[in-house]
């Protein structure tokens, strides 16, 4: 049996490189949002009020249910909680 190596866990679980890249971006953004909520000591209810979603939606985010969030929705949430987002694009490494 040969072992296949992946650059990241997202490459291993997603069907395409584009899907893996999207999931990685969503995970990074979600982690920053969660850290911001914790730093501000927000309850899920207060965070929901601040970012304009329901408390169960905040719970989904906190539990890492990233498949329920688009990249656009996470960018919007980040903005509402006081985070600035930017995208850095670079060429892929040669295989």
PDB file of N, CA and C in Angstrom:
ATOM      1  N   UNK A   1       0.846  -1.173   0.000  1.00  0.00           N
ATOM      2  CA  UNK A   1       0.000   0.000   0.000  1.00  0.00           C
ATOM      3  C   UNK A   1       0.893   1.239   0.000  1.00  0.00           C
ATOM      4  N   UNK A   2       0.575   2.180  -0.874  1.00  0.00           N
ATOM      5  CA  UNK A   2       1.326   3.427  -0.916  1.00  0.00           C
ATOM      6  C   UNK A   2       0.547   4.510  -0.196  1.00  0.00           C
ATOM      7  N   UNK A   3       1.273   5.354   0.475  1.00  0.00           N
ATOM      8  CA  UNK A   3       0.649   6.464   1.185  1.00  0.00           C
ATOM      9  C   UNK A   3       0.731   7.704   0.316  1.00  0.00           C
ATOM     10  N   UNK A   4      -0.380   8.398   0.229  1.00  0.00           N
ATOM     11  CA  UNK A   4      -0.423   9.637  -0.539  1.00  0.00           C
ATOM     12  C   UNK A   4      -0.291  10.799   0.427  1.00  0.00           C
ATOM     13  N   UNK A   5       0.576  11.740   0.110  1.00  0.00           N
ATOM     14  CA  UNK A   5       0.775  12.920   0.954  1.00  0.00           C
ATOM     15  C   UNK A   5      -0.006  14.094   0.384  1.00  0.00           C
ATOM     16  N   UNK A   6      -0.578  14.864   1.292  1.00  0.00           N
ATOM     17  CA  UNK A   6      -1.348  16.040   0.905  1.00  0.00           C
ATOM     18  C   UNK A   6      -0.729  17.271   1.544  1.00  0.00           C
ATOM     19  N   UNK A   7      -0.845  18.389   0.847  1.00  0.00           N
ATOM     20  CA  UNK A   7      -0.297  19.645   1.371  1.00  0.00           C
ATOM     21  C   UNK A   7      -1.056  20.110   2.605  1.00  0.00           C
ATOM     22  N   UNK A   8      -2.358  19.825   2.656  1.00  0.00           N
ATOM     23  CA  UNK A   8      -3.164  20.192   3.820  1.00  0.00           C
ATOM     24  C   UNK A   8      -4.281  19.180   3.988  1.00  0.00           C
ATOM     25  N   UNK A   9      -4.908  19.203   5.142  1.00  0.00           N
ATOM     26  CA  UNK A   9      -6.023  18.304   5.404  1.00  0.00           C
ATOM     27  C   UNK A   9      -7.153  18.557   4.415  1.00  0.00           C
ATOM     28  N   UNK A  10      -7.325  19.802   3.992  1.00  0.00           N
ATOM     29  CA  UNK A  10      -8.403  20.135   3.048  1.00  0.00           C
ATOM     30  C   UNK A  10      -8.175  19.458   1.707  1.00  0.00           C
ATOM     31  N   UNK A  11      -6.920  19.323   1.284  1.00  0.00           N
ATOM     32  CA  UNK A  11      -6.627  18.632   0.031  1.00  0.00           C
ATOM     33  C   UNK A  11      -7.009  17.162   0.119  1.00  0.00           C
ATOM     34  N   UNK A  12      -6.906  16.601   1.309  1.00  0.00           N
ATOM     35  CA  UNK A  12      -7.231  15.190   1.491  1.00  0.00           C
ATOM     36  C   UNK A  12      -8.727  14.921   1.490  1.00  0.00           C
ATOM     37  N   UNK A  13      -9.528  15.863   1.976  1.00  0.00           N
ATOM     38  CA  UNK A  13     -10.957  15.575   2.124  1.00  0.00           C
ATOM     39  C   UNK A  13     -11.839  16.183   1.045  1.00  0.00           C
ATOM     40  N   UNK A  14     -11.314  17.089   0.251  1.00  0.00           N
ATOM     41  CA  UNK A  14     -12.110  17.710  -0.812  1.00  0.00           C
ATOM     42  C   UNK A  14     -11.755  17.094  -2.155  1.00  0.00           C
ATOM     43  N   UNK A  15     -12.750  17.054  -3.053  1.00  0.00           N
ATOM     44  CA  UNK A  15     -12.573  16.420  -4.356  1.00  0.00           C
ATOM     45  C   UNK A  15     -11.658  17.190  -5.299  1.00  0.00           C
ATOM     46  N   UNK A  16     -11.660  18.492  -5.220  1.00  0.00           N
ATOM     47  CA  UNK A  16     -10.840  19.276  -6.144  1.00  0.00           C
ATOM     48  C   UNK A  16      -9.990  20.282  -5.382  1.00  0.00           C
ATOM     49  N   UNK A  17      -8.969  20.764  -6.066  1.00  0.00           N
ATOM     50  CA  UNK A  17      -8.115  21.784  -5.463  1.00  0.00           C
ATOM     51  C   UNK A  17      -8.877  23.054  -5.151  1.00  0.00           C
ATOM     52  N   UNK A  18      -9.832  23.404  -6.018  1.00  0.00           N
ATOM     53  CA  UNK A  18     -10.631  24.613  -5.792  1.00  0.00           C
ATOM     54  C   UNK A  18     -11.502  24.460  -4.553  1.00  0.00           C
ATOM     55  N   UNK A  19     -12.107  23.287  -4.381  1.00  0.00           N
ATOM     56  CA  UNK A  19     -12.933  23.050  -3.190  1.00  0.00           C
ATOM     57  C   UNK A  19     -12.072  23.080  -1.933  1.00  0.00           C
ATOM     58  N   UNK A  20     -10.887  22.505  -2.016  1.00  0.00           N
ATOM     59  CA  UNK A  20      -9.974  22.508  -0.870  1.00  0.00           C
ATOM     60  C   UNK A  20      -9.553  23.929  -0.521  1.00  0.00           C
ATOM     61  N   UNK A  21      -9.266  24.737  -1.534  1.00  0.00           N
ATOM     62  CA  UNK A  21      -8.865  26.126  -1.293  1.00  0.00           C
ATOM     63  C   UNK A  21      -9.997  26.913  -0.650  1.00  0.00           C
ATOM     64  N   UNK A  22     -11.216  26.706  -1.127  1.00  0.00           N
ATOM     65  CA  UNK A  22     -12.376  27.393  -0.557  1.00  0.00           C
ATOM     66  C   UNK A  22     -12.583  26.991   0.897  1.00  0.00           C
ATOM     67  N   UNK A  23     -12.477  25.704   1.184  1.00  0.00           N
ATOM     68  CA  UNK A  23     -12.667  25.232   2.553  1.00  0.00           C
ATOM     69  C   UNK A  23     -11.570  25.780   3.463  1.00  0.00           C
ATOM     70  N   UNK A  24     -10.352  25.841   2.972  1.00  0.00           N
ATOM     71  CA  UNK A  24      -9.250  26.377   3.777  1.00  0.00           C
ATOM     72  C   UNK A  24      -9.485  27.852   4.092  1.00  0.00           C
ATOM     73  N   UNK A  25      -9.910  28.625   3.096  1.00  0.00           N
ATOM     74  CA  UNK A  25     -10.210  30.040   3.327  1.00  0.00           C
ATOM     75  C   UNK A  25     -11.335  30.210   4.337  1.00  0.00           C
ATOM     76  N   UNK A  26     -12.394  29.405   4.190  1.00  0.00           N
ATOM     77  CA  UNK A  26     -13.514  29.505   5.129  1.00  0.00           C
ATOM     78  C   UNK A  26     -13.072  29.145   6.536  1.00  0.00           C
ATOM     79  N   UNK A  27     -12.219  28.127   6.670  1.00  0.00           N
ATOM     80  CA  UNK A  27     -11.737  27.722   7.993  1.00  0.00           C
ATOM     81  C   UNK A  27     -10.893  28.824   8.630  1.00  0.00           C
ATOM     82  N   UNK A  28     -10.008  29.429   7.853  1.00  0.00           N
ATOM     83  CA  UNK A  28      -9.168  30.507   8.387  1.00  0.00           C
ATOM     84  C   UNK A  28     -10.015  31.696   8.824  1.00  0.00           C
ATOM     85  N   UNK A  29     -10.985  32.054   8.012  1.00  0.00           N
ATOM     86  CA  UNK A  29     -11.850  33.182   8.331  1.00  0.00           C
ATOM     87  C   UNK A  29     -12.709  32.879   9.555  1.00  0.00           C
ATOM     88  N   UNK A  30     -13.273  31.678   9.611  1.00  0.00           N
ATOM     89  CA  UNK A  30     -14.090  31.282  10.760  1.00  0.00           C
ATOM     90  C   UNK A  30     -13.267  31.310  12.044  1.00  0.00           C
ATOM     91  N   UNK A  31     -12.036  30.833  11.982  1.00  0.00           N
ATOM     92  CA  UNK A  31     -11.174  30.850  13.172  1.00  0.00           C
ATOM     93  C   UNK A  31     -10.927  32.269  13.664  1.00  0.00           C
ATOM     94  N   UNK A  32     -10.699  33.196  12.759  1.00  0.00           N
ATOM     95  CA  UNK A  32     -10.491  34.595  13.149  1.00  0.00           C
ATOM     96  C   UNK A  32     -11.757  35.188  13.773  1.00  0.00           C
ATOM     97  N   UNK A  33     -12.904  34.862  13.199  1.00  0.00           N
ATOM     98  CA  UNK A  33     -14.181  35.352  13.741  1.00  0.00           C
ATOM     99  C   UNK A  33     -14.395  34.811  15.149  1.00  0.00           C
ATOM    100  N   UNK A  34     -14.165  33.531  15.331  1.00  0.00           N
ATOM    101  CA  UNK A  34     -14.348  32.900  16.642  1.00  0.00           C
ATOM    102  C   UNK A  34     -13.388  33.506  17.662  1.00  0.00           C
ATOM    103  N   UNK A  35     -12.137  33.710  17.267  1.00  0.00           N
ATOM    104  CA  UNK A  35     -11.165  34.327  18.173  1.00  0.00           C
ATOM    105  C   UNK A  35     -11.596  35.738  18.563  1.00  0.00           C
ATOM    106  N   UNK A  36     -12.136  36.479  17.615  1.00  0.00           N
ATOM    107  CA  UNK A  36     -12.623  37.841  17.900  1.00  0.00           C
ATOM    108  C   UNK A  36     -13.781  37.798  18.891  1.00  0.00           C
ATOM    109  N   UNK A  37     -14.700  36.850  18.704  1.00  0.00           N
ATOM    110  CA  UNK A  37     -15.830  36.701  19.631  1.00  0.00           C
ATOM    111  C   UNK A  37     -15.326  36.387  21.038  1.00  0.00           C
ATOM    112  N   UNK A  38     -14.363  35.492  21.122  1.00  0.00           N
ATOM    113  CA  UNK A  38     -13.815  35.114  22.431  1.00  0.00           C
ATOM    114  C   UNK A  38     -13.073  36.279  23.072  1.00  0.00           C
ATOM    115  N   UNK A  39     -12.301  37.005  22.277  1.00  0.00           N
ATOM    116  CA  UNK A  39     -11.546  38.147  22.804  1.00  0.00           C
ATOM    117  C   UNK A  39     -12.483  39.210  23.362  1.00  0.00           C
ATOM    118  N   UNK A  40     -13.635  39.362  22.724  1.00  0.00           N
ATOM    119  CA  UNK A  40     -14.616  40.347  23.181  1.00  0.00           C
ATOM    120  C   UNK A  40     -15.554  39.767  24.237  1.00  0.00           C
ATOM    121  N   UNK A  41     -15.340  38.491  24.577  1.00  0.00           N
ATOM    122  CA  UNK A  41     -16.130  37.793  25.602  1.00  0.00           C
ATOM    123  C   UNK A  41     -17.628  37.860  25.299  1.00  0.00           C
ATOM    124  N   UNK A  42     -17.958  37.634  24.032  1.00  0.00           N
ATOM    125  CA  UNK A  42     -19.358  37.668  23.615  1.00  0.00           C
ATOM    126  C   UNK A  42     -20.019  36.317  23.841  1.00  0.00           C
ATOM    127  N   UNK A  43     -21.213  36.347  24.392  1.00  0.00           N
ATOM    128  CA  UNK A  43     -22.014  35.128  24.425  1.00  0.00           C
ATOM    129  C   UNK A  43     -22.494  34.876  23.002  1.00  0.00           C
ATOM    130  N   UNK A  44     -22.976  33.672  22.744  1.00  0.00           N
ATOM    131  CA  UNK A  44     -23.505  33.386  21.413  1.00  0.00           C
ATOM    132  C   UNK A  44     -24.682  34.295  21.093  1.00  0.00           C
ATOM    133  N   UNK A  45     -25.508  34.576  22.082  1.00  0.00           N
ATOM    134  CA  UNK A  45     -26.666  35.451  21.867  1.00  0.00           C
ATOM    135  C   UNK A  45     -26.223  36.872  21.515  1.00  0.00           C
ATOM    136  N   UNK A  46     -25.239  37.403  22.238  1.00  0.00           N
ATOM    137  CA  UNK A  46     -24.745  38.755  21.956  1.00  0.00           C
ATOM    138  C   UNK A  46     -24.040  38.805  20.594  1.00  0.00           C
ATOM    139  N   UNK A  47     -23.266  37.775  20.294  1.00  0.00           N
ATOM    140  CA  UNK A  47     -22.596  37.719  18.995  1.00  0.00           C
ATOM    141  C   UNK A  47     -23.620  37.681  17.871  1.00  0.00           C
ATOM    142  N   UNK A  48     -24.674  36.896  18.051  1.00  0.00           N
ATOM    143  CA  UNK A  48     -25.729  36.798  17.038  1.00  0.00           C
ATOM    144  C   UNK A  48     -26.373  38.154  16.792  1.00  0.00           C
ATOM    145  N   UNK A  49     -26.641  38.865  17.869  1.00  0.00           N
ATOM    146  CA  UNK A  49     -27.244  40.198  17.767  1.00  0.00           C
ATOM    147  C   UNK A  49     -26.314  41.157  17.022  1.00  0.00           C
ATOM    148  N   UNK A  50     -25.040  41.105  17.354  1.00  0.00           N
ATOM    149  CA  UNK A  50     -24.051  41.990  16.750  1.00  0.00           C
ATOM    150  C   UNK A  50     -23.874  41.739  15.253  1.00  0.00           C
ATOM    151  N   UNK A  51     -23.849  40.473  14.863  1.00  0.00           N
ATOM    152  CA  UNK A  51     -23.568  40.160  13.457  1.00  0.00           C
ATOM    153  C   UNK A  51     -24.820  39.910  12.626  1.00  0.00           C
ATOM    154  N   UNK A  52     -25.986  40.000  13.262  1.00  0.00           N
ATOM    155  CA  UNK A  52     -27.234  39.929  12.517  1.00  0.00           C
ATOM    156  C   UNK A  52     -27.653  38.544  12.070  1.00  0.00           C
ATOM    157  N   UNK A  53     -27.361  37.546  12.893  1.00  0.00           N
ATOM    158  CA  UNK A  53     -27.799  36.175  12.613  1.00  0.00           C
ATOM    159  C   UNK A  53     -28.461  35.620  13.871  1.00  0.00           C
ATOM    160  N   UNK A  54     -28.978  34.409  13.781  1.00  0.00           N
ATOM    161  CA  UNK A  54     -29.589  33.778  14.948  1.00  0.00           C
ATOM    162  C   UNK A  54     -28.518  33.120  15.817  1.00  0.00           C
ATOM    163  N   UNK A  55     -28.856  32.873  17.078  1.00  0.00           N
ATOM    164  CA  UNK A  55     -27.918  32.194  17.978  1.00  0.00           C
ATOM    165  C   UNK A  55     -27.574  30.791  17.467  1.00  0.00           C
ATOM    166  N   UNK A  56     -28.538  30.011  16.941  1.00  0.00           N
ATOM    167  CA  UNK A  56     -28.155  28.701  16.397  1.00  0.00           C
ATOM    168  C   UNK A  56     -27.138  28.802  15.248  1.00  0.00           C
ATOM    169  N   UNK A  57     -27.210  29.887  14.489  1.00  0.00           N
ATOM    170  CA  UNK A  57     -26.245  30.094  13.396  1.00  0.00           C
ATOM    171  C   UNK A  57     -24.846  30.338  13.972  1.00  0.00           C
ATOM    172  N   UNK A  58     -24.764  31.097  15.063  1.00  0.00           N
ATOM    173  CA  UNK A  58     -23.475  31.302  15.736  1.00  0.00           C
ATOM    174  C   UNK A  58     -22.967  29.973  16.277  1.00  0.00           C
ATOM    175  N   UNK A  59     -23.865  29.170  16.828  1.00  0.00           N
ATOM    176  CA  UNK A  59     -23.488  27.852  17.332  1.00  0.00           C
ATOM    177  C   UNK A  59     -22.895  26.992  16.216  1.00  0.00           C
ATOM    178  N   UNK A  60     -23.517  27.025  15.038  1.00  0.00           N
ATOM    179  CA  UNK A  60     -22.980  26.280  13.894  1.00  0.00           C
ATOM    180  C   UNK A  60     -21.557  26.721  13.580  1.00  0.00           C
ATOM    181  N   UNK A  61     -21.327  28.019  13.604  1.00  0.00           N
ATOM    182  CA  UNK A  61     -19.996  28.558  13.333  1.00  0.00           C
ATOM    183  C   UNK A  61     -18.999  28.094  14.390  1.00  0.00           C
ATOM    184  N   UNK A  62     -19.386  28.194  15.650  1.00  0.00           N
ATOM    185  CA  UNK A  62     -18.503  27.807  16.754  1.00  0.00           C
ATOM    186  C   UNK A  62     -18.170  26.316  16.732  1.00  0.00           C
ATOM    187  N   UNK A  63     -19.073  25.510  16.213  1.00  0.00           N
ATOM    188  CA  UNK A  63     -18.864  24.062  16.133  1.00  0.00           C
ATOM    189  C   UNK A  63     -18.133  23.637  14.861  1.00  0.00           C
ATOM    190  N   UNK A  64     -17.775  24.619  14.027  1.00  0.00           N
ATOM    191  CA  UNK A  64     -17.002  24.302  12.839  1.00  0.00           C
ATOM    192  C   UNK A  64     -17.795  23.724  11.686  1.00  0.00           C
ATOM    193  N   UNK A  65     -19.065  23.989  11.652  1.00  0.00           N
ATOM    194  CA  UNK A  65     -19.909  23.478  10.565  1.00  0.00           C
ATOM    195  C   UNK A  65     -19.787  24.404   9.350  1.00  0.00           C
ATOM    196  N   UNK A  66     -18.608  24.409   8.780  1.00  0.00           N
ATOM    197  CA  UNK A  66     -18.273  25.355   7.720  1.00  0.00           C
ATOM    198  C   UNK A  66     -19.026  25.106   6.427  1.00  0.00           C
ATOM    199  N   UNK A  67     -19.500  23.889   6.236  1.00  0.00           N
ATOM    200  CA  UNK A  67     -20.267  23.594   5.027  1.00  0.00           C
ATOM    201  C   UNK A  67     -21.571  24.389   4.979  1.00  0.00           C
ATOM    202  N   UNK A  68     -21.988  24.953   6.110  1.00  0.00           N
ATOM    203  CA  UNK A  68     -23.218  25.740   6.177  1.00  0.00           C
ATOM    204  C   UNK A  68     -22.989  27.217   5.863  1.00  0.00           C
ATOM    205  N   UNK A  69     -21.737  27.611   5.643  1.00  0.00           N
ATOM    206  CA  UNK A  69     -21.391  29.014   5.428  1.00  0.00           C
ATOM    207  C   UNK A  69     -20.656  29.193   4.106  1.00  0.00           C
ATOM    208  N   UNK A  70     -21.103  30.173   3.341  1.00  0.00           N
ATOM    209  CA  UNK A  70     -20.363  30.532   2.126  1.00  0.00           C
ATOM    210  C   UNK A  70     -19.222  31.462   2.518  1.00  0.00           C
ATOM    211  N   UNK A  71     -18.280  31.597   1.633  1.00  0.00           N
ATOM    212  CA  UNK A  71     -17.188  32.537   1.868  1.00  0.00           C
ATOM    213  C   UNK A  71     -17.736  33.956   1.990  1.00  0.00           C
ATOM    214  N   UNK A  72     -18.718  34.287   1.157  1.00  0.00           N
ATOM    215  CA  UNK A  72     -19.346  35.617   1.224  1.00  0.00           C
ATOM    216  C   UNK A  72     -19.979  35.882   2.583  1.00  0.00           C
ATOM    217  N   UNK A  73     -20.689  34.885   3.118  1.00  0.00           N
ATOM    218  CA  UNK A  73     -21.351  35.102   4.409  1.00  0.00           C
ATOM    219  C   UNK A  73     -20.329  35.278   5.530  1.00  0.00           C
ATOM    220  N   UNK A  74     -19.224  34.557   5.462  1.00  0.00           N
ATOM    221  CA  UNK A  74     -18.182  34.704   6.482  1.00  0.00           C
ATOM    222  C   UNK A  74     -17.487  36.062   6.382  1.00  0.00           C
ATOM    223  N   UNK A  75     -17.286  36.554   5.170  1.00  0.00           N
ATOM    224  CA  UNK A  75     -16.707  37.893   4.997  1.00  0.00           C
ATOM    225  C   UNK A  75     -17.644  38.935   5.599  1.00  0.00           C
ATOM    226  N   UNK A  76     -18.938  38.778   5.374  1.00  0.00           N
ATOM    227  CA  UNK A  76     -19.931  39.700   5.930  1.00  0.00           C
ATOM    228  C   UNK A  76     -19.918  39.657   7.460  1.00  0.00           C
ATOM    229  N   UNK A  77     -19.881  38.457   8.028  1.00  0.00           N
ATOM    230  CA  UNK A  77     -19.831  38.300   9.485  1.00  0.00           C
ATOM    231  C   UNK A  77     -18.556  38.936  10.038  1.00  0.00           C
ATOM    232  N   UNK A  78     -17.440  38.691   9.379  1.00  0.00           N
ATOM    233  CA  UNK A  78     -16.166  39.269   9.827  1.00  0.00           C
ATOM    234  C   UNK A  78     -16.241  40.791   9.856  1.00  0.00           C
ATOM    235  N   UNK A  79     -16.824  41.373   8.831  1.00  0.00           N
ATOM    236  CA  UNK A  79     -16.964  42.829   8.774  1.00  0.00           C
ATOM    237  C   UNK A  79     -17.820  43.337   9.929  1.00  0.00           C
ATOM    238  N   UNK A  80     -18.906  42.656  10.198  1.00  0.00           N
ATOM    239  CA  UNK A  80     -19.823  43.094  11.256  1.00  0.00           C
ATOM    240  C   UNK A  80     -19.216  42.974  12.647  1.00  0.00           C
ATOM    241  N   UNK A  81     -18.256  42.070  12.803  1.00  0.00           N
ATOM    242  CA  UNK A  81     -17.637  41.912  14.120  1.00  0.00           C
ATOM    243  C   UNK A  81     -16.358  42.747  14.240  1.00  0.00           C
ATOM    244  N   UNK A  82     -16.054  43.505  13.178  1.00  0.00           N
ATOM    245  CA  UNK A  82     -14.932  44.430  13.252  1.00  0.00           C
ATOM    246  C   UNK A  82     -13.625  43.926  12.678  1.00  0.00           C
ATOM    247  N   UNK A  83     -13.689  42.942  11.819  1.00  0.00           N
ATOM    248  CA  UNK A  83     -12.482  42.436  11.176  1.00  0.00           C
ATOM    249  C   UNK A  83     -12.417  42.927   9.734  1.00  0.00           C
ATOM    250  N   UNK A  84     -11.225  43.213   9.287  1.00  0.00           N
ATOM    251  CA  UNK A  84     -11.004  43.585   7.891  1.00  0.00           C
ATOM    252  C   UNK A  84     -10.472  42.358   7.172  1.00  0.00           C
ATOM    253  N   UNK A  85     -10.997  42.067   6.017  1.00  0.00           N
ATOM    254  CA  UNK A  85     -10.521  40.908   5.257  1.00  0.00           C
ATOM    255  C   UNK A  85      -9.848  41.374   3.976  1.00  0.00           C
ATOM    256  N   UNK A  86      -8.924  40.562   3.517  1.00  0.00           N
ATOM    257  CA  UNK A  86      -8.302  40.801   2.226  1.00  0.00           C
ATOM    258  C   UNK A  86      -7.861  39.452   1.675  1.00  0.00           C
ATOM    259  N   UNK A  87      -7.759  39.385   0.381  1.00  0.00           N
ATOM    260  CA  UNK A  87      -7.360  38.150  -0.285  1.00  0.00           C
ATOM    261  C   UNK A  87      -5.983  38.355  -0.892  1.00  0.00           C
ATOM    262  N   UNK A  88      -5.117  37.400  -0.666  1.00  0.00           N
ATOM    263  CA  UNK A  88      -3.789  37.421  -1.265  1.00  0.00           C
ATOM    264  C   UNK A  88      -3.738  36.273  -2.266  1.00  0.00           C
ATOM    265  N   UNK A  89      -3.434  36.596  -3.500  1.00  0.00           N
ATOM    266  CA  UNK A  89      -3.387  35.594  -4.557  1.00  0.00           C
ATOM    267  C   UNK A  89      -1.945  35.448  -5.017  1.00  0.00           C
ATOM    268  N   UNK A  90      -1.501  34.202  -5.170  1.00  0.00           N
ATOM    269  CA  UNK A  90      -0.141  33.955  -5.634  1.00  0.00           C
ATOM    270  C   UNK A  90      -0.129  32.723  -6.531  1.00  0.00           C
ATOM    271  N   UNK A  91       0.896  32.567  -7.342  1.00  0.00           N
ATOM    272  CA  UNK A  91       0.976  31.396  -8.214  1.00  0.00           C
ATOM    273  C   UNK A  91       1.129  30.117  -7.393  1.00  0.00           C
ATOM    274  N   UNK A  92       0.628  29.029  -7.953  1.00  0.00           N
ATOM    275  CA  UNK A  92       0.798  27.726  -7.308  1.00  0.00           C
ATOM    276  C   UNK A  92       2.256  27.312  -7.398  1.00  0.00           C
ATOM    277  N   UNK A  93       2.666  26.510  -6.444  1.00  0.00           N
ATOM    278  CA  UNK A  93       4.013  25.944  -6.492  1.00  0.00           C
ATOM    279  C   UNK A  93       4.056  24.872  -7.575  1.00  0.00           C
ATOM    280  N   UNK A  94       5.186  24.750  -8.219  1.00  0.00           N
ATOM    281  CA  UNK A  94       5.344  23.701  -9.228  1.00  0.00           C
ATOM    282  C   UNK A  94       5.338  22.346  -8.540  1.00  0.00           C
ATOM    283  N   UNK A  95       4.662  21.390  -9.153  1.00  0.00           N
ATOM    284  CA  UNK A  95       4.548  20.050  -8.551  1.00  0.00           C
ATOM    285  C   UNK A  95       5.792  19.231  -8.761  1.00  0.00           C
TER     286      UNK A  95
END
